Amino acid sequence: DANDGVLPLLSPDAYVAFLPAWLSRAVQDPSGPVADMVLVNLRMDPKLASFTSEQCSVIVDVARFIVAENGWPLHDPVNADSLAAIELAWAPKAA
């Protein structure tokens, strides 16, 4: 959790290599700081060029899980806006 904000600092190759670890931690604790930062990063700085469609699909699924399980209502504006932005950026490549 101490490095929860470093995703945007990673090179594209490192981002692809390390994003699974952040996603795993976010699933383990969907209301924790890593999950919060994953949603922010996937929404604000989507580095999706190096991901396969299958990987993009999993990323969208993880974002949906975080939003559903983070303790805030699904209709909470931050949850709704974050998920909409993530789906807009990542879901087309997941198709």
PDB file of N, CA and C in Angstrom:
ATOM      1  N   ASP A   1       0.803  -1.197   0.000  1.00  0.00           N
ATOM      2  CA  ASP A   1       0.000   0.000   0.000  1.00  0.00           C
ATOM      3  C   ASP A   1       0.850   1.267   0.000  1.00  0.00           C
ATOM      4  N   ALA A   2       2.085   1.135   0.405  1.00  0.00           N
ATOM      5  CA  ALA A   2       2.952   2.303   0.492  1.00  0.00           C
ATOM      6  C   ALA A   2       3.249   2.909  -0.874  1.00  0.00           C
ATOM      7  N   ASN A   3       3.162   2.117  -1.930  1.00  0.00           N
ATOM      8  CA  ASN A   3       3.466   2.596  -3.277  1.00  0.00           C
ATOM      9  C   ASN A   3       2.211   2.737  -4.125  1.00  0.00           C
ATOM     10  N   ASP A   4       1.093   3.002  -3.494  1.00  0.00           N
ATOM     11  CA  ASP A   4      -0.177   3.007  -4.208  1.00  0.00           C
ATOM     12  C   ASP A   4      -0.290   4.065  -5.293  1.00  0.00           C
ATOM     13  N   GLY A   5       0.523   5.096  -5.254  1.00  0.00           N
ATOM     14  CA  GLY A   5       0.400   6.178  -6.227  1.00  0.00           C
ATOM     15  C   GLY A   5       1.435   6.195  -7.326  1.00  0.00           C
ATOM     16  N   VAL A   6       2.223   5.129  -7.483  1.00  0.00           N
ATOM     17  CA  VAL A   6       3.322   5.176  -8.451  1.00  0.00           C
ATOM     18  C   VAL A   6       2.951   4.691  -9.852  1.00  0.00           C
ATOM     19  N   LEU A   7       1.768   4.175 -10.050  1.00  0.00           N
ATOM     20  CA  LEU A   7       1.405   3.679 -11.387  1.00  0.00           C
ATOM     21  C   LEU A   7       1.668   4.673 -12.507  1.00  0.00           C
ATOM     22  N   PRO A   8       1.294   5.927 -12.367  1.00  0.00           N
ATOM     23  CA  PRO A   8       1.537   6.863 -13.474  1.00  0.00           C
ATOM     24  C   PRO A   8       3.010   7.148 -13.732  1.00  0.00           C
ATOM     25  N   LEU A   9       3.875   6.772 -12.816  1.00  0.00           N
ATOM     26  CA  LEU A   9       5.300   7.033 -12.970  1.00  0.00           C
ATOM     27  C   LEU A   9       6.029   5.922 -13.727  1.00  0.00           C
ATOM     28  N   LEU A  10       5.352   4.807 -13.944  1.00  0.00           N
ATOM     29  CA  LEU A  10       5.987   3.661 -14.587  1.00  0.00           C
ATOM     30  C   LEU A  10       6.102   3.851 -16.099  1.00  0.00           C
ATOM     31  N   SER A  11       7.142   3.274 -16.670  1.00  0.00           N
ATOM     32  CA  SER A  11       7.269   3.248 -18.133  1.00  0.00           C
ATOM     33  C   SER A  11       6.157   2.359 -18.684  1.00  0.00           C
ATOM     34  N   PRO A  12       5.859   2.469 -19.967  1.00  0.00           N
ATOM     35  CA  PRO A  12       4.810   1.611 -20.534  1.00  0.00           C
ATOM     36  C   PRO A  12       5.053   0.118 -20.298  1.00  0.00           C
ATOM     37  N   ASP A  13       6.297  -0.341 -20.461  1.00  0.00           N
ATOM     38  CA  ASP A  13       6.592  -1.765 -20.233  1.00  0.00           C
ATOM     39  C   ASP A  13       6.412  -2.146 -18.768  1.00  0.00           C
ATOM     40  N   ALA A  14       6.875  -1.295 -17.864  1.00  0.00           N
ATOM     41  CA  ALA A  14       6.723  -1.565 -16.440  1.00  0.00           C
ATOM     42  C   ALA A  14       5.244  -1.525 -16.036  1.00  0.00           C
ATOM     43  N   TYR A  15       4.495  -0.632 -16.639  1.00  0.00           N
ATOM     44  CA  TYR A  15       3.057  -0.531 -16.354  1.00  0.00           C
ATOM     45  C   TYR A  15       2.359  -1.850 -16.691  1.00  0.00           C
ATOM     46  N   VAL A  16       2.665  -2.399 -17.854  1.00  0.00           N
ATOM     47  CA  VAL A  16       2.069  -3.683 -18.261  1.00  0.00           C
ATOM     48  C   VAL A  16       2.508  -4.795 -17.305  1.00  0.00           C
ATOM     49  N   ALA A  17       3.763  -4.759 -16.899  1.00  0.00           N
ATOM     50  CA  ALA A  17       4.285  -5.806 -16.029  1.00  0.00           C
ATOM     51  C   ALA A  17       3.722  -5.732 -14.609  1.00  0.00           C
ATOM     52  N   PHE A  18       3.526  -4.512 -14.100  1.00  0.00           N
ATOM     53  CA  PHE A  18       3.153  -4.359 -12.697  1.00  0.00           C
ATOM     54  C   PHE A  18       1.676  -4.098 -12.442  1.00  0.00           C
ATOM     55  N   LEU A  19       0.921  -3.703 -13.446  1.00  0.00           N
ATOM     56  CA  LEU A  19      -0.512  -3.449 -13.216  1.00  0.00           C
ATOM     57  C   LEU A  19      -1.224  -4.670 -12.624  1.00  0.00           C
ATOM     58  N   PRO A  20      -0.919  -5.900 -13.043  1.00  0.00           N
ATOM     59  CA  PRO A  20      -1.592  -7.050 -12.417  1.00  0.00           C
ATOM     60  C   PRO A  20      -1.428  -7.109 -10.900  1.00  0.00           C
ATOM     61  N   ALA A  21      -0.279  -6.715 -10.384  1.00  0.00           N
ATOM     62  CA  ALA A  21      -0.083  -6.710  -8.930  1.00  0.00           C
ATOM     63  C   ALA A  21      -0.999  -5.689  -8.260  1.00  0.00           C
ATOM     64  N   TRP A  22      -1.131  -4.511  -8.863  1.00  0.00           N
ATOM     65  CA  TRP A  22      -2.037  -3.497  -8.320  1.00  0.00           C
ATOM     66  C   TRP A  22      -3.490  -3.964  -8.403  1.00  0.00           C
ATOM     67  N   LEU A  23      -3.851  -4.596  -9.509  1.00  0.00           N
ATOM     68  CA  LEU A  23      -5.220  -5.097  -9.653  1.00  0.00           C
ATOM     69  C   LEU A  23      -5.507  -6.175  -8.608  1.00  0.00           C
ATOM     70  N   SER A  24      -4.545  -7.054  -8.393  1.00  0.00           N
ATOM     71  CA  SER A  24      -4.715  -8.103  -7.388  1.00  0.00           C
ATOM     72  C   SER A  24      -4.912  -7.506  -6.000  1.00  0.00           C
ATOM     73  N   ARG A  25      -4.098  -6.530  -5.654  1.00  0.00           N
ATOM     74  CA  ARG A  25      -4.231  -5.882  -4.342  1.00  0.00           C
ATOM     75  C   ARG A  25      -5.564  -5.140  -4.227  1.00  0.00           C
ATOM     76  N   ALA A  26      -6.001  -4.533  -5.315  1.00  0.00           N
ATOM     77  CA  ALA A  26      -7.281  -3.819  -5.303  1.00  0.00           C
ATOM     78  C   ALA A  26      -8.446  -4.775  -5.089  1.00  0.00           C
ATOM     79  N   VAL A  27      -8.364  -5.962  -5.662  1.00  0.00           N
ATOM     80  CA  VAL A  27      -9.421  -6.964  -5.466  1.00  0.00           C
ATOM     81  C   VAL A  27      -9.412  -7.470  -4.025  1.00  0.00           C
ATOM     82  N   GLN A  28      -8.219  -7.609  -3.451  1.00  0.00           N
ATOM     83  CA  GLN A  28      -8.120  -8.062  -2.058  1.00  0.00           C
ATOM     84  C   GLN A  28      -8.708  -7.051  -1.083  1.00  0.00           C
ATOM     85  N   ASP A  29      -8.584  -5.769  -1.403  1.00  0.00           N
ATOM     86  CA  ASP A  29      -9.066  -4.708  -0.510  1.00  0.00           C
ATOM     87  C   ASP A  29      -9.706  -3.594  -1.355  1.00  0.00           C
ATOM     88  N   PRO A  30     -10.934  -3.822  -1.841  1.00  0.00           N
ATOM     89  CA  PRO A  30     -11.549  -2.859  -2.760  1.00  0.00           C
ATOM     90  C   PRO A  30     -11.849  -1.494  -2.148  1.00  0.00           C
ATOM     91  N   SER A  31     -11.778  -1.359  -0.844  1.00  0.00           N
ATOM     92  CA  SER A  31     -11.986  -0.044  -0.230  1.00  0.00           C
ATOM     93  C   SER A  31     -10.670   0.570   0.236  1.00  0.00           C
ATOM     94  N   GLY A  32      -9.561  -0.038  -0.136  1.00  0.00           N
ATOM     95  CA  GLY A  32      -8.254   0.445   0.306  1.00  0.00           C
ATOM     96  C   GLY A  32      -7.641   1.462  -0.639  1.00  0.00           C
ATOM     97  N   PRO A  33      -6.483   1.981  -0.248  1.00  0.00           N
ATOM     98  CA  PRO A  33      -5.835   3.032  -1.031  1.00  0.00           C
ATOM     99  C   PRO A  33      -5.364   2.577  -2.411  1.00  0.00           C
ATOM    100  N   VAL A  34      -4.946   1.326  -2.530  1.00  0.00           N
ATOM    101  CA  VAL A  34      -4.511   0.834  -3.848  1.00  0.00           C
ATOM    102  C   VAL A  34      -5.695   0.813  -4.806  1.00  0.00           C
ATOM    103  N   ALA A  35      -6.829   0.325  -4.340  1.00  0.00           N
ATOM    104  CA  ALA A  35      -8.029   0.286  -5.191  1.00  0.00           C
ATOM    105  C   ALA A  35      -8.426   1.693  -5.615  1.00  0.00           C
ATOM    106  N   ASP A  36      -8.369   2.638  -4.698  1.00  0.00           N
ATOM    107  CA  ASP A  36      -8.683   4.026  -5.044  1.00  0.00           C
ATOM    108  C   ASP A  36      -7.766   4.538  -6.149  1.00  0.00           C
ATOM    109  N   MET A  37      -6.472   4.294  -5.992  1.00  0.00           N
ATOM    110  CA  MET A  37      -5.515   4.792  -6.971  1.00  0.00           C
ATOM    111  C   MET A  37      -5.611   4.058  -8.307  1.00  0.00           C
ATOM    112  N   VAL A  38      -5.967   2.781  -8.275  1.00  0.00           N
ATOM    113  CA  VAL A  38      -6.171   2.042  -9.524  1.00  0.00           C
ATOM    114  C   VAL A  38      -7.303   2.690 -10.310  1.00  0.00           C
ATOM    115  N   LEU A  39      -8.406   2.990  -9.640  1.00  0.00           N
ATOM    116  CA  LEU A  39      -9.521   3.629 -10.342  1.00  0.00           C
ATOM    117  C   LEU A  39      -9.120   4.989 -10.901  1.00  0.00           C
ATOM    118  N   VAL A  40      -8.397   5.759 -10.112  1.00  0.00           N
ATOM    119  CA  VAL A  40      -7.947   7.076 -10.584  1.00  0.00           C
ATOM    120  C   VAL A  40      -7.052   6.919 -11.803  1.00  0.00           C
ATOM    121  N   ASN A  41      -6.088   6.004 -11.723  1.00  0.00           N
ATOM    122  CA  ASN A  41      -5.139   5.837 -12.813  1.00  0.00           C
ATOM    123  C   ASN A  41      -5.792   5.289 -14.075  1.00  0.00           C
ATOM    124  N   LEU A  42      -6.648   4.287 -13.932  1.00  0.00           N
ATOM    125  CA  LEU A  42      -7.315   3.718 -15.110  1.00  0.00           C
ATOM    126  C   LEU A  42      -8.216   4.743 -15.777  1.00  0.00           C
ATOM    127  N   ARG A  43      -8.716   5.660 -14.983  1.00  0.00           N
ATOM    128  CA  ARG A  43      -9.614   6.690 -15.512  1.00  0.00           C
ATOM    129  C   ARG A  43      -8.844   7.853 -16.130  1.00  0.00           C
ATOM    130  N   MET A  44      -7.828   8.333 -15.438  1.00  0.00           N
ATOM    131  CA  MET A  44      -7.166   9.572 -15.826  1.00  0.00           C
ATOM    132  C   MET A  44      -5.986   9.383 -16.773  1.00  0.00           C
ATOM    133  N   ASP A  45      -5.368   8.225 -16.727  1.00  0.00           N
ATOM    134  CA  ASP A  45      -4.156   8.017 -17.518  1.00  0.00           C
ATOM    135  C   ASP A  45      -4.162   6.611 -18.108  1.00  0.00           C
ATOM    136  N   PRO A  46      -5.134   6.305 -18.942  1.00  0.00           N
ATOM    137  CA  PRO A  46      -5.226   4.936 -19.458  1.00  0.00           C
ATOM    138  C   PRO A  46      -4.103   4.632 -20.456  1.00  0.00           C
ATOM    139  N   LYS A  47      -3.171   3.799 -20.026  1.00  0.00           N
ATOM    140  CA  LYS A  47      -2.054   3.379 -20.884  1.00  0.00           C
ATOM    141  C   LYS A  47      -2.389   2.006 -21.467  1.00  0.00           C
ATOM    142  N   LEU A  48      -3.350   1.969 -22.363  1.00  0.00           N
ATOM    143  CA  LEU A  48      -3.870   0.689 -22.813  1.00  0.00           C
ATOM    144  C   LEU A  48      -3.268   0.163 -24.104  1.00  0.00           C
ATOM    145  N   ALA A  49      -2.374   0.881 -24.718  1.00  0.00           N
ATOM    146  CA  ALA A  49      -1.845   0.488 -26.030  1.00  0.00           C
ATOM    147  C   ALA A  49      -1.187  -0.883 -26.019  1.00  0.00           C
ATOM    148  N   SER A  50      -0.537  -1.262 -24.938  1.00  0.00           N
ATOM    149  CA  SER A  50       0.210  -2.524 -24.904  1.00  0.00           C
ATOM    150  C   SER A  50      -0.599  -3.703 -24.379  1.00  0.00           C
ATOM    151  N   PHE A  51      -1.866  -3.503 -24.102  1.00  0.00           N
ATOM    152  CA  PHE A  51      -2.692  -4.570 -23.548  1.00  0.00           C
ATOM    153  C   PHE A  51      -3.499  -5.270 -24.637  1.00  0.00           C
ATOM    154  N   THR A  52      -3.689  -6.564 -24.469  1.00  0.00           N
ATOM    155  CA  THR A  52      -4.528  -7.332 -25.390  1.00  0.00           C
ATOM    156  C   THR A  52      -5.991  -7.064 -25.071  1.00  0.00           C
ATOM    157  N   SER A  53      -6.870  -7.478 -25.948  1.00  0.00           N
ATOM    158  CA  SER A  53      -8.301  -7.301 -25.690  1.00  0.00           C
ATOM    159  C   SER A  53      -8.732  -8.097 -24.458  1.00  0.00           C
ATOM    160  N   GLU A  54      -8.148  -9.268 -24.267  1.00  0.00           N
ATOM    161  CA  GLU A  54      -8.485 -10.074 -23.090  1.00  0.00           C
ATOM    162  C   GLU A  54      -8.045  -9.376 -21.810  1.00  0.00           C
ATOM    163  N   GLN A  55      -6.860  -8.784 -21.827  1.00  0.00           N
ATOM    164  CA  GLN A  55      -6.384  -8.065 -20.655  1.00  0.00           C
ATOM    165  C   GLN A  55      -7.254  -6.841 -20.368  1.00  0.00           C
ATOM    166  N   CYS A  56      -7.647  -6.132 -21.395  1.00  0.00           N
ATOM    167  CA  CYS A  56      -8.530  -4.974 -21.216  1.00  0.00           C
ATOM    168  C   CYS A  56      -9.863  -5.389 -20.619  1.00  0.00           C
ATOM    169  N   SER A  57     -10.362  -6.529 -21.042  1.00  0.00           N
ATOM    170  CA  SER A  57     -11.621  -7.039 -20.504  1.00  0.00           C
ATOM    171  C   SER A  57     -11.496  -7.325 -19.006  1.00  0.00           C
ATOM    172  N   VAL A  58     -10.397  -7.944 -18.606  1.00  0.00           N
ATOM    173  CA  VAL A  58     -10.169  -8.226 -17.184  1.00  0.00           C
ATOM    174  C   VAL A  58     -10.042  -6.919 -16.396  1.00  0.00           C
ATOM    175  N   ILE A  59      -9.353  -5.952 -16.954  1.00  0.00           N
ATOM    176  CA  ILE A  59      -9.184  -4.661 -16.279  1.00  0.00           C
ATOM    177  C   ILE A  59     -10.537  -3.996 -16.044  1.00  0.00           C
ATOM    178  N   VAL A  60     -11.403  -4.018 -17.041  1.00  0.00           N
ATOM    179  CA  VAL A  60     -12.747  -3.460 -16.883  1.00  0.00           C
ATOM    180  C   VAL A  60     -13.521  -4.240 -15.818  1.00  0.00           C
ATOM    181  N   ASP A  61     -13.405  -5.568 -15.827  1.00  0.00           N
ATOM    182  CA  ASP A  61     -14.085  -6.383 -14.818  1.00  0.00           C
ATOM    183  C   ASP A  61     -13.594  -6.055 -13.408  1.00  0.00           C
ATOM    184  N   VAL A  62     -12.294  -5.862 -13.258  1.00  0.00           N
ATOM    185  CA  VAL A  62     -11.749  -5.510 -11.943  1.00  0.00           C
ATOM    186  C   VAL A  62     -12.267  -4.141 -11.508  1.00  0.00           C
ATOM    187  N   ALA A  63     -12.303  -3.187 -12.412  1.00  0.00           N
ATOM    188  CA  ALA A  63     -12.841  -1.864 -12.070  1.00  0.00           C
ATOM    189  C   ALA A  63     -14.300  -1.980 -11.629  1.00  0.00           C
ATOM    190  N   ARG A  64     -15.070  -2.771 -12.323  1.00  0.00           N
ATOM    191  CA  ARG A  64     -16.477  -2.974 -11.933  1.00  0.00           C
ATOM    192  C   ARG A  64     -16.572  -3.601 -10.545  1.00  0.00           C
ATOM    193  N   PHE A  65     -15.695  -4.571 -10.268  1.00  0.00           N
ATOM    194  CA  PHE A  65     -15.684  -5.211  -8.951  1.00  0.00           C
ATOM    195  C   PHE A  65     -15.338  -4.198  -7.865  1.00  0.00           C
ATOM    196  N   ILE A  66     -14.311  -3.406  -8.088  1.00  0.00           N
ATOM    197  CA  ILE A  66     -13.905  -2.406  -7.093  1.00  0.00           C
ATOM    198  C   ILE A  66     -15.066  -1.466  -6.791  1.00  0.00           C
ATOM    199  N   VAL A  67     -15.703  -0.971  -7.825  1.00  0.00           N
ATOM    200  CA  VAL A  67     -16.821  -0.037  -7.650  1.00  0.00           C
ATOM    201  C   VAL A  67     -17.979  -0.709  -6.903  1.00  0.00           C
ATOM    202  N   ALA A  68     -18.224  -1.971  -7.190  1.00  0.00           N
ATOM    203  CA  ALA A  68     -19.325  -2.681  -6.530  1.00  0.00           C
ATOM    204  C   ALA A  68     -19.019  -2.998  -5.065  1.00  0.00           C
ATOM    205  N   GLU A  69     -17.738  -3.129  -4.734  1.00  0.00           N
ATOM    206  CA  GLU A  69     -17.366  -3.608  -3.402  1.00  0.00           C
ATOM    207  C   GLU A  69     -16.618  -2.601  -2.534  1.00  0.00           C
ATOM    208  N   ASN A  70     -16.469  -1.357  -2.973  1.00  0.00           N
ATOM    209  CA  ASN A  70     -15.640  -0.417  -2.225  1.00  0.00           C
ATOM    210  C   ASN A  70     -16.356   0.277  -1.063  1.00  0.00           C
ATOM    211  N   GLY A  71     -17.577  -0.103  -0.809  1.00  0.00           N
ATOM    212  CA  GLY A  71     -18.291   0.451   0.342  1.00  0.00           C
ATOM    213  C   GLY A  71     -19.116   1.680   0.040  1.00  0.00           C
ATOM    214  N   TRP A  72     -18.967   2.229  -1.153  1.00  0.00           N
ATOM    215  CA  TRP A  72     -19.765   3.384  -1.561  1.00  0.00           C
ATOM    216  C   TRP A  72     -20.899   2.888  -2.451  1.00  0.00           C
ATOM    217  N   PRO A  73     -22.025   3.566  -2.449  1.00  0.00           N
ATOM    218  CA  PRO A  73     -23.127   3.134  -3.315  1.00  0.00           C
ATOM    219  C   PRO A  73     -22.714   3.181  -4.797  1.00  0.00           C
ATOM    220  N   LEU A  74     -23.261   2.281  -5.582  1.00  0.00           N
ATOM    221  CA  LEU A  74     -22.952   2.249  -7.015  1.00  0.00           C
ATOM    222  C   LEU A  74     -23.297   3.564  -7.694  1.00  0.00           C
ATOM    223  N   HIS A  75     -24.347   4.225  -7.210  1.00  0.00           N
ATOM    224  CA  HIS A  75     -24.774   5.487  -7.824  1.00  0.00           C
ATOM    225  C   HIS A  75     -24.010   6.703  -7.279  1.00  0.00           C
ATOM    226  N   ASP A  76     -23.065   6.470  -6.357  1.00  0.00           N
ATOM    227  CA  ASP A  76     -22.214   7.560  -5.877  1.00  0.00           C
ATOM    228  C   ASP A  76     -21.554   8.221  -7.085  1.00  0.00           C
ATOM    229  N   PRO A  77     -21.569   9.549  -7.158  1.00  0.00           N
ATOM    230  CA  PRO A  77     -21.034  10.231  -8.347  1.00  0.00           C
ATOM    231  C   PRO A  77     -19.585   9.859  -8.686  1.00  0.00           C
ATOM    232  N   VAL A  78     -18.737   9.705  -7.681  1.00  0.00           N
ATOM    233  CA  VAL A  78     -17.345   9.351  -7.959  1.00  0.00           C
ATOM    234  C   VAL A  78     -17.270   7.940  -8.542  1.00  0.00           C
ATOM    235  N   ASN A  79     -18.003   7.004  -7.932  1.00  0.00           N
ATOM    236  CA  ASN A  79     -18.035   5.634  -8.462  1.00  0.00           C
ATOM    237  C   ASN A  79     -18.570   5.618  -9.891  1.00  0.00           C
ATOM    238  N   ALA A  80     -19.694   6.262 -10.084  1.00  0.00           N
ATOM    239  CA  ALA A  80     -20.344   6.244 -11.403  1.00  0.00           C
ATOM    240  C   ALA A  80     -19.460   6.903 -12.462  1.00  0.00           C
ATOM    241  N   ASP A  81     -18.900   8.054 -12.145  1.00  0.00           N
ATOM    242  CA  ASP A  81     -18.040   8.765 -13.102  1.00  0.00           C
ATOM    243  C   ASP A  81     -16.764   7.983 -13.404  1.00  0.00           C
ATOM    244  N   SER A  82     -16.159   7.422 -12.362  1.00  0.00           N
ATOM    245  CA  SER A  82     -14.931   6.655 -12.560  1.00  0.00           C
ATOM    246  C   SER A  82     -15.180   5.445 -13.449  1.00  0.00           C
ATOM    247  N   LEU A  83     -16.217   4.690 -13.131  1.00  0.00           N
ATOM    248  CA  LEU A  83     -16.498   3.495 -13.912  1.00  0.00           C
ATOM    249  C   LEU A  83     -16.865   3.850 -15.352  1.00  0.00           C
ATOM    250  N   ALA A  84     -17.637   4.893 -15.541  1.00  0.00           N
ATOM    251  CA  ALA A  84     -18.001   5.304 -16.903  1.00  0.00           C
ATOM    252  C   ALA A  84     -16.764   5.683 -17.711  1.00  0.00           C
ATOM    253  N   ALA A  85     -15.840   6.415 -17.102  1.00  0.00           N
ATOM    254  CA  ALA A  85     -14.620   6.817 -17.808  1.00  0.00           C
ATOM    255  C   ALA A  85     -13.739   5.613 -18.125  1.00  0.00           C
ATOM    256  N   ILE A  86     -13.636   4.679 -17.184  1.00  0.00           N
ATOM    257  CA  ILE A  86     -12.833   3.471 -17.409  1.00  0.00           C
ATOM    258  C   ILE A  86     -13.446   2.634 -18.517  1.00  0.00           C
ATOM    259  N   GLU A  87     -14.750   2.448 -18.459  1.00  0.00           N
ATOM    260  CA  GLU A  87     -15.404   1.674 -19.531  1.00  0.00           C
ATOM    261  C   GLU A  87     -15.255   2.351 -20.887  1.00  0.00           C
ATOM    262  N   LEU A  88     -15.356   3.660 -20.915  1.00  0.00           N
ATOM    263  CA  LEU A  88     -15.205   4.389 -22.180  1.00  0.00           C
ATOM    264  C   LEU A  88     -13.802   4.197 -22.769  1.00  0.00           C
ATOM    265  N   ALA A  89     -12.789   4.219 -21.910  1.00  0.00           N
ATOM    266  CA  ALA A  89     -11.415   4.089 -22.378  1.00  0.00           C
ATOM    267  C   ALA A  89     -11.013   2.641 -22.675  1.00  0.00           C
ATOM    268  N   TRP A  90     -11.376   1.725 -21.807  1.00  0.00           N
ATOM    269  CA  TRP A  90     -10.851   0.360 -21.893  1.00  0.00           C
ATOM    270  C   TRP A  90     -11.767  -0.630 -22.598  1.00  0.00           C
ATOM    271  N   ALA A  91     -13.081  -0.463 -22.458  1.00  0.00           N
ATOM    272  CA  ALA A  91     -14.011  -1.459 -23.007  1.00  0.00           C
ATOM    273  C   ALA A  91     -13.954  -1.588 -24.531  1.00  0.00           C
ATOM    274  N   PRO A  92     -13.778  -0.504 -25.298  1.00  0.00           N
ATOM    275  CA  PRO A  92     -13.719  -0.691 -26.755  1.00  0.00           C
ATOM    276  C   PRO A  92     -12.606  -1.640 -27.194  1.00  0.00           C
ATOM    277  N   LYS A  93     -11.480  -1.579 -26.518  1.00  0.00           N
ATOM    278  CA  LYS A  93     -10.383  -2.491 -26.870  1.00  0.00           C
ATOM    279  C   LYS A  93     -10.681  -3.903 -26.367  1.00  0.00           C
ATOM    280  N   ALA A  94     -11.525  -4.017 -25.358  1.00  0.00           N
ATOM    281  CA  ALA A  94     -11.868  -5.325 -24.790  1.00  0.00           C
ATOM    282  C   ALA A  94     -12.852  -6.079 -25.686  1.00  0.00           C
ATOM    283  N   ALA A  95     -13.481  -5.371 -26.591  1.00  0.00           N
ATOM    284  CA  ALA A  95     -14.511  -6.001 -27.429  1.00  0.00           C
ATOM    285  C   ALA A  95     -13.927  -6.958 -28.451  1.00  0.00           C
TER     286      ALA A  95
END
